[in-house]
C-alpha atoms as a PDB file:
ATOM      1  CA  UNK A   1      -1.142 -10.331  10.622  1.00  0.00           C
ATOM      2  CA  UNK A   2       2.654 -10.437   9.440  1.00  0.00           C
ATOM      3  CA  UNK A   3       3.366  -7.009   9.112  1.00  0.00           C
ATOM      4  CA  UNK A   4       5.011  -5.951   6.053  1.00  0.00           C
ATOM      5  CA  UNK A   5       7.212  -2.887   5.750  1.00  0.00           C
ATOM      6  CA  UNK A   6       5.270   0.070   3.434  1.00  0.00           C
ATOM      7  CA  UNK A   7       8.396   0.453   0.671  1.00  0.00           C
ATOM      8  CA  UNK A   8       9.660   2.718  -1.751  1.00  0.00           C
ATOM      9  CA  UNK A   9       7.087   2.417  -5.305  1.00  0.00           C
ATOM     10  CA  UNK A  10       9.105   0.766  -7.492  1.00  0.00           C
ATOM     11  CA  UNK A  11      10.684   3.426 -10.374  1.00  0.00           C
ATOM     12  CA  UNK A  12       8.877   2.043 -13.425  1.00  0.00           C
ATOM     13  CA  UNK A  13       5.322   1.591 -11.596  1.00  0.00           C
ATOM     14  CA  UNK A  14       5.695   5.432 -10.831  1.00  0.00           C
ATOM     15  CA  UNK A  15       6.467   5.786 -14.688  1.00  0.00           C
ATOM     16  CA  UNK A  16       3.683   3.576 -15.488  1.00  0.00           C
ATOM     17  CA  UNK A  17       1.061   5.629 -13.025  1.00  0.00           C
ATOM     18  CA  UNK A  18       2.820   9.136 -14.450  1.00  0.00           C
ATOM     19  CA  UNK A  19       1.939   8.047 -18.171  1.00  0.00           C
ATOM     20  CA  UNK A  20      -1.389   6.813 -17.437  1.00  0.00           C
ATOM     21  CA  UNK A  21      -2.444  10.324 -15.856  1.00  0.00           C
ATOM     22  CA  UNK A  22      -0.213  13.112 -17.031  1.00  0.00           C
ATOM     23  CA  UNK A  23      -2.679  15.549 -15.941  1.00  0.00           C
ATOM     24  CA  UNK A  24      -2.323  14.224 -11.885  1.00  0.00           C
ATOM     25  CA  UNK A  25      -4.334  12.127  -9.608  1.00  0.00           C
ATOM     26  CA  UNK A  26      -5.601  12.819  -6.179  1.00  0.00           C
ATOM     27  CA  UNK A  27      -4.213   9.375  -5.070  1.00  0.00           C
ATOM     28  CA  UNK A  28      -0.573  10.301  -6.856  1.00  0.00           C
ATOM     29  CA  UNK A  29      -0.506  13.363  -5.517  1.00  0.00           C
ATOM     30  CA  UNK A  30      -1.213  12.039  -1.753  1.00  0.00           C
ATOM     31  CA  UNK A  31       1.076   9.935  -1.561  1.00  0.00           C
ATOM     32  CA  UNK A  32       3.989  12.168  -3.268  1.00  0.00           C
ATOM     33  CA  UNK A  33       2.918  14.815  -0.492  1.00  0.00           C
ATOM     34  CA  UNK A  34       2.521  12.608   2.464  1.00  0.00           C
ATOM     35  CA  UNK A  35       3.836   9.208   2.403  1.00  0.00           C
ATOM     36  CA  UNK A  36       2.073   6.403   3.750  1.00  0.00           C
ATOM     37  CA  UNK A  37      -1.256   6.939   5.656  1.00  0.00           C
ATOM     38  CA  UNK A  38      -0.981   4.281   7.348  1.00  0.00           C
ATOM     39  CA  UNK A  39       1.411   1.247   8.656  1.00  0.00           C
ATOM     40  CA  UNK A  40      -0.279  -2.181   9.014  1.00  0.00           C
ATOM     41  CA  UNK A  41       0.402  -2.041  12.912  1.00  0.00           C
ATOM     42  CA  UNK A  42      -2.424   0.831  13.067  1.00  0.00           C
ATOM     43  CA  UNK A  43      -4.707  -2.675  12.151  1.00  0.00           C
ATOM     44  CA  UNK A  44      -3.433  -4.574  14.679  1.00  0.00           C
ATOM     45  CA  UNK A  45      -5.570  -5.374  17.211  1.00  0.00           C
ATOM     46  CA  UNK A  46      -8.424  -6.119  14.787  1.00  0.00           C
ATOM     47  CA  UNK A  47      -6.415  -9.237  13.573  1.00  0.00           C
ATOM     48  CA  UNK A  48      -5.773 -12.473  15.640  1.00  0.00           C
ATOM     49  CA  UNK A  49      -3.129 -13.257  17.323  1.00  0.00           C
ATOM     50  CA  UNK A  50      -2.975 -16.798  17.480  1.00  0.00           C
ATOM     51  CA  UNK A  51      -4.127 -19.134  14.385  1.00  0.00           C
ATOM     52  CA  UNK A  52      -4.072 -18.624  10.570  1.00  0.00           C
ATOM     53  CA  UNK A  53      -2.346 -15.548   9.581  1.00  0.00           C
ATOM     54  CA  UNK A  54      -4.295 -12.669   7.353  1.00  0.00           C
ATOM     55  CA  UNK A  55      -3.451 -10.899   4.571  1.00  0.00           C
ATOM     56  CA  UNK A  56      -1.740  -7.683   5.551  1.00  0.00           C
ATOM     57  CA  UNK A  57      -4.302  -4.905   4.816  1.00  0.00           C
ATOM     58  CA  UNK A  58      -2.011  -3.953   1.375  1.00  0.00           C
ATOM     59  CA  UNK A  59      -2.514  -7.290   0.468  1.00  0.00           C
ATOM     60  CA  UNK A  60      -6.441  -7.437   0.740  1.00  0.00           C
ATOM     61  CA  UNK A  61      -6.185  -3.690  -1.742  1.00  0.00           C
ATOM     62  CA  UNK A  62      -3.704  -4.806  -4.467  1.00  0.00           C
ATOM     63  CA  UNK A  63      -0.528  -4.154  -3.672  1.00  0.00           C
ATOM     64  CA  UNK A  64       1.412  -4.103  -6.665  1.00  0.00           C
ATOM     65  CA  UNK A  65      -0.742  -5.182  -8.531  1.00  0.00           C
ATOM     66  CA  UNK A  66      -1.108  -8.121  -6.959  1.00  0.00           C
ATOM     67  CA  UNK A  67      -4.385 -10.031  -5.523  1.00  0.00           C
END
């Protein structure tokens, strides 16, 4: 597994999310209040240290709209 630093949410993405949920959303609030809930390093021991690299946790859940 390769590490991915969790970056700030891009401004345009934040604007789109706020427009999509004008009354708010628990997940948006969670990120706003707590920041990153977990890091890739929290899952390191679950992945092999040799061989093919696996996608990061955020790649798996579709970070930034990518799959």
